[in-house]
């Protein structure tokens, strides 16, 4: 895990305490990332609201180092279902 990947993870965890956060740099270019966030706090929230909660925390990072972020959010129940 590179420094920026770790930084993204820490920013998300600060915004969504107790979440399970998985951040990847699939292109290994240090600019395009994928983040999966699983949190009980998403229960009852629309997908748009879940994404807003996470993206609001990353707004400052996007003004600099991060070029793109593919974001997926799940409640624990939906994550378990998605895993098969």
N, C-alpha and C. Protein backbone atom coordinates (compact mmCIF):
# COMPACT_ATOMS: atom_id res chain seq x y z
N UNK A 1 0.85 -1.17 0.00
CA UNK A 1 0.00 0.00 0.00
C UNK A 1 0.90 1.24 0.00
N UNK A 2 0.69 2.11 -1.00
CA UNK A 2 1.53 3.32 -1.06
C UNK A 2 0.99 4.39 -0.11
N UNK A 3 1.75 5.47 0.04
CA UNK A 3 1.38 6.52 0.99
C UNK A 3 0.03 7.15 0.69
N UNK A 4 -0.26 7.42 -0.59
CA UNK A 4 -1.51 8.06 -0.95
C UNK A 4 -2.69 7.12 -0.72
N UNK A 5 -2.51 5.84 -1.01
CA UNK A 5 -3.56 4.86 -0.74
C UNK A 5 -3.87 4.83 0.75
N UNK A 6 -2.86 4.82 1.58
CA UNK A 6 -3.03 4.84 3.03
C UNK A 6 -3.70 6.13 3.48
N UNK A 7 -3.32 7.25 2.88
CA UNK A 7 -3.92 8.53 3.23
C UNK A 7 -5.41 8.56 2.90
N UNK A 8 -5.78 8.03 1.75
CA UNK A 8 -7.20 7.96 1.36
C UNK A 8 -7.96 7.11 2.37
N UNK A 9 -7.40 5.98 2.73
CA UNK A 9 -8.03 5.10 3.72
C UNK A 9 -8.26 5.84 5.04
N UNK A 10 -7.25 6.55 5.51
CA UNK A 10 -7.35 7.27 6.78
C UNK A 10 -8.39 8.38 6.72
N UNK A 11 -8.48 9.09 5.59
CA UNK A 11 -9.48 10.16 5.43
C UNK A 11 -10.88 9.57 5.49
N UNK A 12 -11.08 8.47 4.79
CA UNK A 12 -12.40 7.83 4.78
C UNK A 12 -12.75 7.32 6.17
N UNK A 13 -11.81 6.70 6.86
CA UNK A 13 -12.07 6.19 8.21
C UNK A 13 -12.42 7.32 9.18
N UNK A 14 -11.82 8.49 8.99
CA UNK A 14 -12.15 9.64 9.84
C UNK A 14 -13.58 10.11 9.57
N UNK A 15 -14.03 10.01 8.32
CA UNK A 15 -15.38 10.45 7.94
C UNK A 15 -16.44 9.40 8.27
N UNK A 16 -16.03 8.12 8.24
CA UNK A 16 -16.97 7.02 8.49
C UNK A 16 -16.33 6.09 9.54
N UNK A 17 -16.34 6.52 10.80
CA UNK A 17 -15.69 5.72 11.85
C UNK A 17 -16.26 4.31 11.93
N UNK A 18 -15.37 3.36 12.12
CA UNK A 18 -15.78 1.97 12.26
C UNK A 18 -16.02 1.25 10.94
N UNK A 19 -15.84 1.95 9.83
CA UNK A 19 -16.06 1.34 8.52
C UNK A 19 -14.93 0.37 8.19
N UNK A 20 -15.25 -0.56 7.32
CA UNK A 20 -14.21 -1.39 6.70
C UNK A 20 -13.89 -0.69 5.38
N UNK A 21 -12.64 -0.35 5.16
CA UNK A 21 -12.25 0.42 3.98
C UNK A 21 -11.17 -0.34 3.21
N UNK A 22 -11.40 -0.51 1.92
CA UNK A 22 -10.44 -1.17 1.05
C UNK A 22 -10.11 -0.18 -0.06
N UNK A 23 -8.85 0.25 -0.15
CA UNK A 23 -8.42 1.21 -1.17
C UNK A 23 -7.36 0.54 -2.02
N UNK A 24 -7.54 0.66 -3.34
CA UNK A 24 -6.58 0.07 -4.29
C UNK A 24 -6.14 1.12 -5.30
N UNK A 25 -4.97 0.92 -5.84
CA UNK A 25 -4.42 1.71 -6.94
C UNK A 25 -4.21 0.73 -8.10
N UNK A 26 -5.31 0.36 -8.81
CA UNK A 26 -5.24 -0.72 -9.79
C UNK A 26 -4.31 -0.44 -10.97
N UNK A 27 -4.09 0.82 -11.29
CA UNK A 27 -3.22 1.16 -12.42
C UNK A 27 -1.78 1.38 -11.97
N UNK A 28 -1.56 1.35 -10.64
CA UNK A 28 -0.24 1.63 -10.07
C UNK A 28 0.35 2.93 -10.59
N UNK A 29 -0.54 3.93 -10.75
CA UNK A 29 -0.07 5.22 -11.25
C UNK A 29 -0.12 6.32 -10.19
N UNK A 30 -0.63 5.99 -8.99
CA UNK A 30 -0.69 6.96 -7.92
C UNK A 30 -1.68 8.08 -8.15
N UNK A 31 -2.60 7.92 -9.11
CA UNK A 31 -3.56 8.98 -9.41
C UNK A 31 -5.00 8.47 -9.53
N UNK A 32 -5.17 7.19 -9.88
CA UNK A 32 -6.50 6.63 -10.07
C UNK A 32 -6.69 5.50 -9.05
N UNK A 33 -7.74 5.64 -8.24
CA UNK A 33 -7.94 4.72 -7.14
C UNK A 33 -9.33 4.11 -7.15
N UNK A 34 -9.46 3.00 -6.43
CA UNK A 34 -10.75 2.37 -6.18
C UNK A 34 -10.89 2.25 -4.67
N UNK A 35 -12.07 2.62 -4.15
CA UNK A 35 -12.32 2.48 -2.72
C UNK A 35 -13.64 1.77 -2.51
N UNK A 36 -13.62 0.80 -1.62
CA UNK A 36 -14.83 0.12 -1.19
C UNK A 36 -14.98 0.41 0.30
N UNK A 37 -16.18 0.88 0.67
CA UNK A 37 -16.43 1.26 2.05
C UNK A 37 -17.67 0.50 2.53
N UNK A 38 -17.50 -0.26 3.61
CA UNK A 38 -18.60 -1.03 4.19
C UNK A 38 -18.85 -0.47 5.58
N UNK A 39 -20.09 -0.01 5.82
CA UNK A 39 -20.38 0.59 7.11
C UNK A 39 -21.82 0.40 7.52
N UNK A 40 -22.01 0.09 8.79
CA UNK A 40 -23.34 -0.01 9.38
C UNK A 40 -24.04 1.35 9.31
N UNK A 41 -23.27 2.44 9.31
CA UNK A 41 -23.87 3.78 9.27
C UNK A 41 -24.60 4.06 7.96
N UNK A 42 -24.37 3.25 6.94
CA UNK A 42 -25.04 3.44 5.65
C UNK A 42 -26.46 2.87 5.63
N UNK A 43 -26.82 2.09 6.65
CA UNK A 43 -28.16 1.50 6.70
C UNK A 43 -29.20 2.63 6.68
N UNK A 44 -30.15 2.52 5.76
CA UNK A 44 -31.21 3.51 5.63
C UNK A 44 -30.85 4.71 4.80
N UNK A 45 -29.60 4.81 4.35
CA UNK A 45 -29.17 5.93 3.52
C UNK A 45 -29.25 5.53 2.05
N UNK A 46 -29.57 6.49 1.20
CA UNK A 46 -29.55 6.22 -0.23
C UNK A 46 -28.09 6.07 -0.67
N UNK A 47 -27.88 5.43 -1.81
CA UNK A 47 -26.54 5.28 -2.35
C UNK A 47 -25.88 6.64 -2.57
N UNK A 48 -26.65 7.60 -3.06
CA UNK A 48 -26.12 8.95 -3.28
C UNK A 48 -25.66 9.56 -1.95
N UNK A 49 -26.44 9.40 -0.90
CA UNK A 49 -26.06 9.94 0.41
C UNK A 49 -24.81 9.26 0.95
N UNK A 50 -24.69 7.95 0.74
CA UNK A 50 -23.49 7.22 1.16
C UNK A 50 -22.26 7.79 0.46
N UNK A 51 -22.36 7.96 -0.86
CA UNK A 51 -21.24 8.47 -1.63
C UNK A 51 -20.90 9.90 -1.24
N UNK A 52 -21.91 10.72 -0.99
CA UNK A 52 -21.66 12.11 -0.57
C UNK A 52 -20.90 12.15 0.74
N UNK A 53 -21.27 11.28 1.68
CA UNK A 53 -20.60 11.25 2.97
C UNK A 53 -19.11 10.97 2.79
N UNK A 54 -18.78 10.03 1.93
CA UNK A 54 -17.38 9.67 1.71
C UNK A 54 -16.67 10.74 0.88
N UNK A 55 -17.29 11.17 -0.21
CA UNK A 55 -16.62 12.11 -1.12
C UNK A 55 -16.39 13.48 -0.49
N UNK A 56 -17.28 13.91 0.40
CA UNK A 56 -17.10 15.19 1.07
C UNK A 56 -15.77 15.21 1.81
N UNK A 57 -15.43 14.11 2.42
CA UNK A 57 -14.18 14.03 3.18
C UNK A 57 -12.95 14.04 2.27
N UNK A 58 -13.11 13.64 1.03
CA UNK A 58 -11.98 13.55 0.11
C UNK A 58 -11.85 14.77 -0.81
N UNK A 59 -12.74 15.73 -0.67
CA UNK A 59 -12.76 16.89 -1.56
C UNK A 59 -11.39 17.58 -1.65
N UNK A 60 -10.75 17.80 -0.53
CA UNK A 60 -9.46 18.48 -0.51
C UNK A 60 -8.39 17.66 -1.23
N UNK A 61 -8.40 16.35 -1.04
CA UNK A 61 -7.41 15.49 -1.69
C UNK A 61 -7.56 15.53 -3.21
N UNK A 62 -8.81 15.68 -3.68
CA UNK A 62 -9.03 15.73 -5.12
C UNK A 62 -8.49 17.00 -5.75
N UNK A 63 -8.29 18.04 -4.97
CA UNK A 63 -7.76 19.27 -5.53
C UNK A 63 -6.26 19.16 -5.81
N UNK A 64 -5.67 18.06 -5.39
CA UNK A 64 -4.24 17.90 -5.58
C UNK A 64 -3.86 16.60 -6.25
N UNK A 65 -3.58 15.59 -5.44
CA UNK A 65 -2.95 14.36 -5.91
C UNK A 65 -3.87 13.36 -6.59
N UNK A 66 -5.12 13.29 -6.20
CA UNK A 66 -6.00 12.24 -6.72
C UNK A 66 -6.66 12.71 -8.00
N UNK A 67 -6.53 11.92 -9.04
CA UNK A 67 -7.14 12.25 -10.32
C UNK A 67 -8.53 11.64 -10.44
N UNK A 68 -8.69 10.40 -10.00
CA UNK A 68 -9.98 9.71 -10.12
C UNK A 68 -10.14 8.70 -9.00
N UNK A 69 -11.40 8.52 -8.58
CA UNK A 69 -11.71 7.53 -7.55
C UNK A 69 -13.00 6.82 -7.91
N UNK A 70 -12.92 5.52 -8.08
CA UNK A 70 -14.12 4.69 -8.26
C UNK A 70 -14.55 4.28 -6.86
N UNK A 71 -15.77 4.65 -6.48
CA UNK A 71 -16.24 4.43 -5.12
C UNK A 71 -17.41 3.46 -5.10
N UNK A 72 -17.33 2.49 -4.21
CA UNK A 72 -18.44 1.55 -3.97
C UNK A 72 -18.71 1.57 -2.48
N UNK A 73 -19.99 1.70 -2.10
CA UNK A 73 -20.36 1.70 -0.70
C UNK A 73 -21.40 0.62 -0.45
N UNK A 74 -21.30 0.00 0.73
CA UNK A 74 -22.20 -1.09 1.09
C UNK A 74 -22.54 -1.02 2.57
N UNK A 75 -23.73 -1.49 2.91
CA UNK A 75 -24.01 -1.83 4.29
C UNK A 75 -23.38 -3.21 4.49
N UNK A 76 -23.14 -3.62 5.72
CA UNK A 76 -22.58 -4.97 5.93
C UNK A 76 -23.45 -6.06 5.29
N UNK A 77 -24.76 -5.92 5.37
CA UNK A 77 -25.66 -6.93 4.80
C UNK A 77 -25.52 -6.99 3.28
N UNK A 78 -25.50 -5.83 2.62
CA UNK A 78 -25.35 -5.81 1.17
C UNK A 78 -23.97 -6.31 0.74
N UNK A 79 -22.93 -6.02 1.55
CA UNK A 79 -21.59 -6.51 1.25
C UNK A 79 -21.56 -8.04 1.30
N UNK A 80 -22.19 -8.61 2.32
CA UNK A 80 -22.24 -10.06 2.45
C UNK A 80 -22.96 -10.67 1.24
N UNK A 81 -24.05 -10.05 0.81
CA UNK A 81 -24.78 -10.53 -0.36
C UNK A 81 -23.94 -10.43 -1.63
N UNK A 82 -23.19 -9.34 -1.76
CA UNK A 82 -22.36 -9.12 -2.95
C UNK A 82 -21.21 -10.14 -3.03
N UNK A 83 -20.81 -10.65 -1.88
CA UNK A 83 -19.71 -11.62 -1.85
C UNK A 83 -20.18 -13.03 -2.18
N UNK A 84 -21.50 -13.20 -2.32
CA UNK A 84 -22.02 -14.48 -2.75
C UNK A 84 -22.42 -15.35 -1.62
